[in-house]
Amino acid sequence: MIDNRFEEWKERQRLVGVEQGVAQGMEQGLEQGVARGRLEGERALVARQIQRRFGELPAHLNLRLQSASEEELATWADRILDAKSLDDLFV
């Protein structure tokens, strides 16, 4: 009887651990998805601003934009207000 209860308890503890692991994984996945979505949104906004100000972006600069970090995008978003050319923007 004690052995059975111990085994039941052990199984419940294992299931709780699995549930906690799944919940933690889902939370991490959601956070990563939100961060990725925010980055893509910033990238799209900067691309739209550049296109409106300077016209179509050359392929090599578009590749640079598509691989830009959040910090680079923020810098370019600020610079676009004063930049006279794409060279000024992507210094």
PDB file of N, CA and C in Angstrom:
ATOM      1  N   MET A   1       0.808  -1.190   0.000  1.00  0.00           N
ATOM      2  CA  MET A   1       0.000   0.000   0.000  1.00  0.00           C
ATOM      3  C   MET A   1       0.860   1.268   0.000  1.00  0.00           C
ATOM      4  N   ILE A   2       1.848   1.288   0.863  1.00  0.00           N
ATOM      5  CA  ILE A   2       2.747   2.441   0.908  1.00  0.00           C
ATOM      6  C   ILE A   2       3.527   2.544  -0.391  1.00  0.00           C
ATOM      7  N   ASP A   3       3.946   1.402  -0.938  1.00  0.00           N
ATOM      8  CA  ASP A   3       4.669   1.404  -2.204  1.00  0.00           C
ATOM      9  C   ASP A   3       3.815   1.986  -3.317  1.00  0.00           C
ATOM     10  N   ASN A   4       2.534   1.604  -3.359  1.00  0.00           N
ATOM     11  CA  ASN A   4       1.641   2.125  -4.388  1.00  0.00           C
ATOM     12  C   ASN A   4       1.474   3.640  -4.268  1.00  0.00           C
ATOM     13  N   ARG A   5       1.281   4.120  -3.036  1.00  0.00           N
ATOM     14  CA  ARG A   5       1.108   5.565  -2.831  1.00  0.00           C
ATOM     15  C   ARG A   5       2.383   6.319  -3.201  1.00  0.00           C
ATOM     16  N   PHE A   6       3.516   5.726  -2.849  1.00  0.00           N
ATOM     17  CA  PHE A   6       4.778   6.363  -3.194  1.00  0.00           C
ATOM     18  C   PHE A   6       4.930   6.451  -4.710  1.00  0.00           C
ATOM     19  N   GLU A   7       4.605   5.399  -5.407  1.00  0.00           N
ATOM     20  CA  GLU A   7       4.683   5.393  -6.869  1.00  0.00           C
ATOM     21  C   GLU A   7       3.719   6.415  -7.480  1.00  0.00           C
ATOM     22  N   GLU A   8       2.509   6.507  -6.922  1.00  0.00           N
ATOM     23  CA  GLU A   8       1.529   7.497  -7.401  1.00  0.00           C
ATOM     24  C   GLU A   8       2.072   8.908  -7.193  1.00  0.00           C
ATOM     25  N   TRP A   9       2.624   9.149  -6.022  1.00  0.00           N
ATOM     26  CA  TRP A   9       3.180  10.462  -5.717  1.00  0.00           C
ATOM     27  C   TRP A   9       4.332  10.796  -6.673  1.00  0.00           C
ATOM     28  N   LYS A  10       5.185   9.836  -6.891  1.00  0.00           N
ATOM     29  CA  LYS A  10       6.323  10.016  -7.782  1.00  0.00           C
ATOM     30  C   LYS A  10       5.845  10.350  -9.202  1.00  0.00           C
ATOM     31  N   GLU A  11       4.831   9.653  -9.660  1.00  0.00           N
ATOM     32  CA  GLU A  11       4.290   9.895 -11.002  1.00  0.00           C
ATOM     33  C   GLU A  11       3.664  11.289 -11.090  1.00  0.00           C
ATOM     34  N   ARG A  12       2.931  11.678 -10.040  1.00  0.00           N
ATOM     35  CA  ARG A  12       2.332  13.024 -10.033  1.00  0.00           C
ATOM     36  C   ARG A  12       3.420  14.092 -10.071  1.00  0.00           C
ATOM     37  N   GLN A  13       4.476  13.905  -9.318  1.00  0.00           N
ATOM     38  CA  GLN A  13       5.586  14.856  -9.308  1.00  0.00           C
ATOM     39  C   GLN A  13       6.240  14.936 -10.692  1.00  0.00           C
ATOM     40  N   ARG A  14       6.384  13.794 -11.334  1.00  0.00           N
ATOM     41  CA  ARG A  14       6.977  13.769 -12.675  1.00  0.00           C
ATOM     42  C   ARG A  14       6.091  14.541 -13.646  1.00  0.00           C
ATOM     43  N   LEU A  15       4.772  14.334 -13.565  1.00  0.00           N
ATOM     44  CA  LEU A  15       3.843  15.026 -14.449  1.00  0.00           C
ATOM     45  C   LEU A  15       3.842  16.533 -14.196  1.00  0.00           C
ATOM     46  N   VAL A  16       3.933  16.921 -12.924  1.00  0.00           N
ATOM     47  CA  VAL A  16       4.010  18.342 -12.600  1.00  0.00           C
ATOM     48  C   VAL A  16       5.265  18.943 -13.226  1.00  0.00           C
ATOM     49  N   GLY A  17       6.373  18.236 -13.135  1.00  0.00           N
ATOM     50  CA  GLY A  17       7.627  18.703 -13.734  1.00  0.00           C
ATOM     51  C   GLY A  17       7.506  18.849 -15.244  1.00  0.00           C
ATOM     52  N   VAL A  18       6.871  17.884 -15.876  1.00  0.00           N
ATOM     53  CA  VAL A  18       6.667  17.944 -17.324  1.00  0.00           C
ATOM     54  C   VAL A  18       5.788  19.144 -17.680  1.00  0.00           C
ATOM     55  N   GLU A  19       4.708  19.337 -16.943  1.00  0.00           N
ATOM     56  CA  GLU A  19       3.807  20.473 -17.199  1.00  0.00           C
ATOM     57  C   GLU A  19       4.535  21.797 -17.027  1.00  0.00           C
ATOM     58  N   GLN A  20       5.356  21.895 -15.991  1.00  0.00           N
ATOM     59  CA  GLN A  20       6.121  23.121 -15.773  1.00  0.00           C
ATOM     60  C   GLN A  20       7.101  23.361 -16.915  1.00  0.00           C
ATOM     61  N   GLY A  21       7.734  22.304 -17.378  1.00  0.00           N
ATOM     62  CA  GLY A  21       8.668  22.422 -18.499  1.00  0.00           C
ATOM     63  C   GLY A  21       7.970  22.865 -19.773  1.00  0.00           C
ATOM     64  N   VAL A  22       6.807  22.311 -20.028  1.00  0.00           N
ATOM     65  CA  VAL A  22       6.030  22.696 -21.208  1.00  0.00           C
ATOM     66  C   VAL A  22       5.612  24.157 -21.098  1.00  0.00           C
ATOM     67  N   ALA A  23       5.127  24.561 -19.936  1.00  0.00           N
ATOM     68  CA  ALA A  23       4.698  25.951 -19.734  1.00  0.00           C
ATOM     69  C   ALA A  23       5.868  26.912 -19.924  1.00  0.00           C
ATOM     70  N   GLN A  24       7.020  26.564 -19.389  1.00  0.00           N
ATOM     71  CA  GLN A  24       8.199  27.406 -19.521  1.00  0.00           C
ATOM     72  C   GLN A  24       8.629  27.494 -20.988  1.00  0.00           C
ATOM     73  N   GLY A  25       8.598  26.383 -21.681  1.00  0.00           N
ATOM     74  CA  GLY A  25       8.953  26.380 -23.099  1.00  0.00           C
ATOM     75  C   GLY A  25       7.998  27.224 -23.925  1.00  0.00           C
ATOM     76  N   MET A  26       6.717  27.144 -23.613  1.00  0.00           N
ATOM     77  CA  MET A  26       5.732  27.951 -24.341  1.00  0.00           C
ATOM     78  C   MET A  26       5.951  29.435 -24.079  1.00  0.00           C
ATOM     79  N   GLU A  27       6.245  29.781 -22.829  1.00  0.00           N
ATOM     80  CA  GLU A  27       6.489  31.181 -22.482  1.00  0.00           C
ATOM     81  C   GLU A  27       7.717  31.714 -23.214  1.00  0.00           C
ATOM     82  N   GLN A  28       8.781  30.931 -23.244  1.00  0.00           N
ATOM     83  CA  GLN A  28       9.992  31.344 -23.944  1.00  0.00           C
ATOM     84  C   GLN A  28       9.730  31.490 -25.440  1.00  0.00           C
ATOM     85  N   GLY A  29       8.991  30.566 -26.001  1.00  0.00           N
ATOM     86  CA  GLY A  29       8.655  30.631 -27.417  1.00  0.00           C
ATOM     87  C   GLY A  29       7.831  31.864 -27.735  1.00  0.00           C
ATOM     88  N   LEU A  30       6.887  32.185 -26.881  1.00  0.00           N
ATOM     89  CA  LEU A  30       6.060  33.370 -27.070  1.00  0.00           C
ATOM     90  C   LEU A  30       6.914  34.633 -26.998  1.00  0.00           C
ATOM     91  N   GLU A  31       7.797  34.707 -26.017  1.00  0.00           N
ATOM     92  CA  GLU A  31       8.680  35.872 -25.884  1.00  0.00           C
ATOM     93  C   GLU A  31       9.561  36.028 -27.118  1.00  0.00           C
ATOM     94  N   GLN A  32      10.101  34.931 -27.618  1.00  0.00           N
ATOM     95  CA  GLN A  32      10.938  34.993 -28.810  1.00  0.00           C
ATOM     96  C   GLN A  32      10.126  35.428 -30.026  1.00  0.00           C
ATOM     97  N   GLY A  33       8.910  34.934 -30.127  1.00  0.00           N
ATOM     98  CA  GLY A  33       8.045  35.317 -31.239  1.00  0.00           C
ATOM     99  C   GLY A  33       7.686  36.789 -31.205  1.00  0.00           C
ATOM    100  N   VAL A  34       7.407  37.308 -30.022  1.00  0.00           N
ATOM    101  CA  VAL A  34       7.092  38.733 -29.880  1.00  0.00           C
ATOM    102  C   VAL A  34       8.312  39.574 -30.251  1.00  0.00           C
ATOM    103  N   ALA A  35       9.479  39.184 -29.766  1.00  0.00           N
ATOM    104  CA  ALA A  35      10.708  39.924 -30.088  1.00  0.00           C
ATOM    105  C   ALA A  35      10.985  39.899 -31.585  1.00  0.00           C
ATOM    106  N   ARG A  36      10.811  38.749 -32.196  1.00  0.00           N
ATOM    107  CA  ARG A  36      11.039  38.629 -33.637  1.00  0.00           C
ATOM    108  C   ARG A  36      10.036  39.486 -34.411  1.00  0.00           C
ATOM    109  N   GLY A  37       8.788  39.477 -33.973  1.00  0.00           N
ATOM    110  CA  GLY A  37       7.759  40.291 -34.628  1.00  0.00           C
ATOM    111  C   GLY A  37       8.044  41.774 -34.506  1.00  0.00           C
ATOM    112  N   ARG A  38       8.495  42.188 -33.328  1.00  0.00           N
ATOM    113  CA  ARG A  38       8.839  43.598 -33.124  1.00  0.00           C
ATOM    114  C   ARG A  38       9.995  44.003 -34.038  1.00  0.00           C
ATOM    115  N   LEU A  39      11.006  43.156 -34.127  1.00  0.00           N
ATOM    116  CA  LEU A  39      12.155  43.441 -34.983  1.00  0.00           C
ATOM    117  C   LEU A  39      11.733  43.535 -36.449  1.00  0.00           C
ATOM    118  N   GLU A  40      10.895  42.623 -36.892  1.00  0.00           N
ATOM    119  CA  GLU A  40      10.419  42.659 -38.281  1.00  0.00           C
ATOM    120  C   GLU A  40       9.584  43.912 -38.547  1.00  0.00           C
ATOM    121  N   GLY A  41       8.791  44.324 -37.557  1.00  0.00           N
ATOM    122  CA  GLY A  41       8.011  45.548 -37.701  1.00  0.00           C
ATOM    123  C   GLY A  41       8.897  46.774 -37.813  1.00  0.00           C
ATOM    124  N   GLU A  42       9.929  46.842 -36.983  1.00  0.00           N
ATOM    125  CA  GLU A  42      10.879  47.957 -37.054  1.00  0.00           C
ATOM    126  C   GLU A  42      11.595  47.959 -38.401  1.00  0.00           C
ATOM    127  N   ARG A  43      11.981  46.791 -38.844  1.00  0.00           N
ATOM    128  CA  ARG A  43      12.664  46.662 -40.129  1.00  0.00           C
ATOM    129  C   ARG A  43      11.771  47.157 -41.271  1.00  0.00           C
ATOM    130  N   ALA A  44      10.497  46.775 -41.243  1.00  0.00           N
ATOM    131  CA  ALA A  44       9.560  47.190 -42.285  1.00  0.00           C
ATOM    132  C   ALA A  44       9.348  48.700 -42.256  1.00  0.00           C
ATOM    133  N   LEU A  45       9.267  49.277 -41.068  1.00  0.00           N
ATOM    134  CA  LEU A  45       9.070  50.716 -40.953  1.00  0.00           C
ATOM    135  C   LEU A  45      10.274  51.476 -41.495  1.00  0.00           C
ATOM    136  N   VAL A  46      11.469  51.073 -41.112  1.00  0.00           N
ATOM    137  CA  VAL A  46      12.680  51.740 -41.603  1.00  0.00           C
ATOM    138  C   VAL A  46      12.777  51.588 -43.120  1.00  0.00           C
ATOM    139  N   ALA A  47      12.475  50.425 -43.643  1.00  0.00           N
ATOM    140  CA  ALA A  47      12.512  50.210 -45.095  1.00  0.00           C
ATOM    141  C   ALA A  47      11.523  51.135 -45.798  1.00  0.00           C
ATOM    142  N   ARG A  48      10.345  51.280 -45.230  1.00  0.00           N
ATOM    143  CA  ARG A  48       9.333  52.156 -45.828  1.00  0.00           C
ATOM    144  C   ARG A  48       9.779  53.617 -45.788  1.00  0.00           C
ATOM    145  N   GLN A  49      10.385  54.026 -44.681  1.00  0.00           N
ATOM    146  CA  GLN A  49      10.889  55.400 -44.573  1.00  0.00           C
ATOM    147  C   GLN A  49      11.996  55.661 -45.592  1.00  0.00           C
ATOM    148  N   ILE A  50      12.896  54.706 -45.730  1.00  0.00           N
ATOM    149  CA  ILE A  50      13.997  54.858 -46.688  1.00  0.00           C
ATOM    150  C   ILE A  50      13.453  54.950 -48.101  1.00  0.00           C
ATOM    151  N   GLN A  51      12.535  54.076 -48.439  1.00  0.00           N
ATOM    152  CA  GLN A  51      11.976  54.081 -49.791  1.00  0.00           C
ATOM    153  C   GLN A  51      11.255  55.403 -50.069  1.00  0.00           C
ATOM    154  N   ARG A  52      10.539  55.902 -49.106  1.00  0.00           N
ATOM    155  CA  ARG A  52       9.807  57.157 -49.307  1.00  0.00           C
ATOM    156  C   ARG A  52      10.763  58.337 -49.476  1.00  0.00           C
ATOM    157  N   ARG A  53      11.856  58.309 -48.739  1.00  0.00           N
ATOM    158  CA  ARG A  53      12.800  59.435 -48.781  1.00  0.00           C
ATOM    159  C   ARG A  53      13.773  59.352 -49.947  1.00  0.00           C
ATOM    160  N   PHE A  54      14.279  58.133 -50.233  1.00  0.00           N
ATOM    161  CA  PHE A  54      15.351  58.000 -51.221  1.00  0.00           C
ATOM    162  C   PHE A  54      14.989  57.130 -52.420  1.00  0.00           C
ATOM    163  N   GLY A  55      13.825  56.551 -52.430  1.00  0.00           N
ATOM    164  CA  GLY A  55      13.448  55.661 -53.520  1.00  0.00           C
ATOM    165  C   GLY A  55      13.855  54.225 -53.212  1.00  0.00           C
ATOM    166  N   GLU A  56      13.810  53.409 -54.247  1.00  0.00           N
ATOM    167  CA  GLU A  56      14.104  51.973 -54.100  1.00  0.00           C
ATOM    168  C   GLU A  56      15.502  51.756 -53.531  1.00  0.00           C
ATOM    169  N   LEU A  57      15.594  50.875 -52.592  1.00  0.00           N
ATOM    170  CA  LEU A  57      16.856  50.560 -51.928  1.00  0.00           C
ATOM    171  C   LEU A  57      17.657  49.575 -52.776  1.00  0.00           C
ATOM    172  N   PRO A  58      18.943  49.862 -53.041  1.00  0.00           N
ATOM    173  CA  PRO A  58      19.770  48.906 -53.793  1.00  0.00           C
ATOM    174  C   PRO A  58      19.850  47.561 -53.071  1.00  0.00           C
ATOM    175  N   ALA A  59      20.052  46.504 -53.832  1.00  0.00           N
ATOM    176  CA  ALA A  59      20.034  45.140 -53.289  1.00  0.00           C
ATOM    177  C   ALA A  59      21.015  44.951 -52.130  1.00  0.00           C
ATOM    178  N   HIS A  60      22.236  45.478 -52.261  1.00  0.00           N
ATOM    179  CA  HIS A  60      23.228  45.267 -51.202  1.00  0.00           C
ATOM    180  C   HIS A  60      22.820  45.975 -49.904  1.00  0.00           C
ATOM    181  N   LEU A  61      22.173  47.118 -50.003  1.00  0.00           N
ATOM    182  CA  LEU A  61      21.701  47.792 -48.795  1.00  0.00           C
ATOM    183  C   LEU A  61      20.439  47.128 -48.240  1.00  0.00           C
ATOM    184  N   ASN A  62      19.614  46.575 -49.121  1.00  0.00           N
ATOM    185  CA  ASN A  62      18.439  45.838 -48.661  1.00  0.00           C
ATOM    186  C   ASN A  62      18.865  44.603 -47.865  1.00  0.00           C
ATOM    187  N   LEU A  63      19.904  43.916 -48.318  1.00  0.00           N
ATOM    188  CA  LEU A  63      20.431  42.766 -47.565  1.00  0.00           C
ATOM    189  C   LEU A  63      20.938  43.208 -46.190  1.00  0.00           C
ATOM    190  N   ARG A  64      21.608  44.343 -46.175  1.00  0.00           N
ATOM    191  CA  ARG A  64      22.107  44.867 -44.899  1.00  0.00           C
ATOM    192  C   ARG A  64      20.945  45.199 -43.959  1.00  0.00           C
ATOM    193  N   LEU A  65      19.902  45.793 -44.525  1.00  0.00           N
ATOM    194  CA  LEU A  65      18.721  46.121 -43.737  1.00  0.00           C
ATOM    195  C   LEU A  65      18.050  44.859 -43.196  1.00  0.00           C
ATOM    196  N   GLN A  66      17.949  43.823 -44.015  1.00  0.00           N
ATOM    197  CA  GLN A  66      17.280  42.586 -43.606  1.00  0.00           C
ATOM    198  C   GLN A  66      18.030  41.824 -42.515  1.00  0.00           C
ATOM    199  N   SER A  67      19.324  42.097 -42.373  1.00  0.00           N
ATOM    200  CA  SER A  67      20.097  41.406 -41.329  1.00  0.00           C
ATOM    201  C   SER A  67      20.468  42.342 -40.181  1.00  0.00           C
ATOM    202  N   ALA A  68      19.883  43.534 -40.163  1.00  0.00           N
ATOM    203  CA  ALA A  68      20.238  44.540 -39.154  1.00  0.00           C
ATOM    204  C   ALA A  68      19.744  44.159 -37.767  1.00  0.00           C
ATOM    205  N   SER A  69      20.504  44.587 -36.790  1.00  0.00           N
ATOM    206  CA  SER A  69      20.110  44.403 -35.389  1.00  0.00           C
ATOM    207  C   SER A  69      19.115  45.497 -34.994  1.00  0.00           C
ATOM    208  N   GLU A  70      18.528  45.328 -33.839  1.00  0.00           N
ATOM    209  CA  GLU A  70      17.593  46.323 -33.321  1.00  0.00           C
ATOM    210  C   GLU A  70      18.286  47.678 -33.134  1.00  0.00           C
ATOM    211  N   GLU A  71      19.524  47.652 -32.677  1.00  0.00           N
ATOM    212  CA  GLU A  71      20.283  48.884 -32.464  1.00  0.00           C
ATOM    213  C   GLU A  71      20.559  49.597 -33.781  1.00  0.00           C
ATOM    214  N   GLU A  72      20.945  48.831 -34.811  1.00  0.00           N
ATOM    215  CA  GLU A  72      21.192  49.436 -36.122  1.00  0.00           C
ATOM    216  C   GLU A  72      19.917  50.062 -36.682  1.00  0.00           C
ATOM    217  N   LEU A  73      18.811  49.369 -36.553  1.00  0.00           N
ATOM    218  CA  LEU A  73      17.539  49.896 -37.057  1.00  0.00           C
ATOM    219  C   LEU A  73      17.171  51.193 -36.338  1.00  0.00           C
ATOM    220  N   ALA A  74      17.381  51.247 -35.037  1.00  0.00           N
ATOM    221  CA  ALA A  74      17.084  52.468 -34.279  1.00  0.00           C
ATOM    222  C   ALA A  74      17.971  53.619 -34.740  1.00  0.00           C
ATOM    223  N   THR A  75      19.237  53.327 -34.975  1.00  0.00           N
ATOM    224  CA  THR A  75      20.167  54.357 -35.454  1.00  0.00           C
ATOM    225  C   THR A  75      19.728  54.879 -36.817  1.00  0.00           C
ATOM    226  N   TRP A  76      19.392  53.978 -37.724  1.00  0.00           N
ATOM    227  CA  TRP A  76      18.972  54.403 -39.064  1.00  0.00           C
ATOM    228  C   TRP A  76      17.652  55.155 -39.022  1.00  0.00           C
ATOM    229  N   ALA A  77      16.761  54.753 -38.147  1.00  0.00           N
ATOM    230  CA  ALA A  77      15.479  55.450 -38.014  1.00  0.00           C
ATOM    231  C   ALA A  77      15.707  56.891 -37.562  1.00  0.00           C
ATOM    232  N   ASP A  78      16.674  57.108 -36.683  1.00  0.00           N
ATOM    233  CA  ASP A  78      17.014  58.464 -36.245  1.00  0.00           C
ATOM    234  C   ASP A  78      17.728  59.235 -37.364  1.00  0.00           C
ATOM    235  N   ARG A  79      18.662  58.609 -38.029  1.00  0.00           N
ATOM    236  CA  ARG A  79      19.449  59.276 -39.066  1.00  0.00           C
ATOM    237  C   ARG A  79      18.619  59.674 -40.281  1.00  0.00           C
ATOM    238  N   ILE A  80      17.573  58.948 -40.559  1.00  0.00           N
ATOM    239  CA  ILE A  80      16.802  59.223 -41.775  1.00  0.00           C
ATOM    240  C   ILE A  80      16.225  60.633 -41.768  1.00  0.00           C
ATOM    241  N   LEU A  81      16.065  61.206 -40.588  1.00  0.00           N
ATOM    242  CA  LEU A  81      15.526  62.562 -40.487  1.00  0.00           C
ATOM    243  C   LEU A  81      16.498  63.606 -41.024  1.00  0.00           C
ATOM    244  N   ASP A  82      17.798  63.354 -40.910  1.00  0.00           N
ATOM    245  CA  ASP A  82      18.814  64.330 -41.313  1.00  0.00           C
ATOM    246  C   ASP A  82      19.637  63.908 -42.517  1.00  0.00           C
ATOM    247  N   ALA A  83      19.593  62.665 -42.900  1.00  0.00           N
ATOM    248  CA  ALA A  83      20.445  62.154 -43.980  1.00  0.00           C
ATOM    249  C   ALA A  83      20.090  62.824 -45.304  1.00  0.00           C
ATOM    250  N   LYS A  84      21.125  63.187 -46.035  1.00  0.00           N
ATOM    251  CA  LYS A  84      20.946  63.785 -47.359  1.00  0.00           C
ATOM    252  C   LYS A  84      21.013  62.732 -48.461  1.00  0.00           C
ATOM    253  N   SER A  85      21.589  61.564 -48.105  1.00  0.00           N
ATOM    254  CA  SER A  85      21.740  60.490 -49.079  1.00  0.00           C
ATOM    255  C   SER A  85      21.771  59.148 -48.358  1.00  0.00           C
ATOM    256  N   LEU A  86      21.708  58.080 -49.132  1.00  0.00           N
ATOM    257  CA  LEU A  86      21.826  56.734 -48.542  1.00  0.00           C
ATOM    258  C   LEU A  86      23.180  56.546 -47.895  1.00  0.00           C
ATOM    259  N   ASP A  87      24.225  57.170 -48.460  1.00  0.00           N
ATOM    260  CA  ASP A  87      25.557  57.075 -47.865  1.00  0.00           C
ATOM    261  C   ASP A  87      25.571  57.696 -46.468  1.00  0.00           C
ATOM    262  N   ASP A  88      24.875  58.829 -46.300  1.00  0.00           N
ATOM    263  CA  ASP A  88      24.793  59.459 -44.968  1.00  0.00           C
ATOM    264  C   ASP A  88      24.048  58.552 -43.991  1.00  0.00           C
ATOM    265  N   LEU A  89      23.061  57.864 -44.491  1.00  0.00           N
ATOM    266  CA  LEU A  89      22.231  57.006 -43.646  1.00  0.00           C
ATOM    267  C   LEU A  89      22.977  55.766 -43.174  1.00  0.00           C
ATOM    268  N   PHE A  90      23.679  55.116 -44.088  1.00  0.00           N
ATOM    269  CA  PHE A  90      24.327  53.835 -43.792  1.00  0.00           C
ATOM    270  C   PHE A  90      25.810  53.950 -43.458  1.00  0.00           C
ATOM    271  N   VAL A  91      26.230  55.082 -42.912  1.00  0.00           N
ATOM    272  CA  VAL A  91      27.644  55.293 -42.548  1.00  0.00           C
ATOM    273  C   VAL A  91      28.101  54.233 -41.584  1.00  0.00           C
TER     274      VAL A  91
END
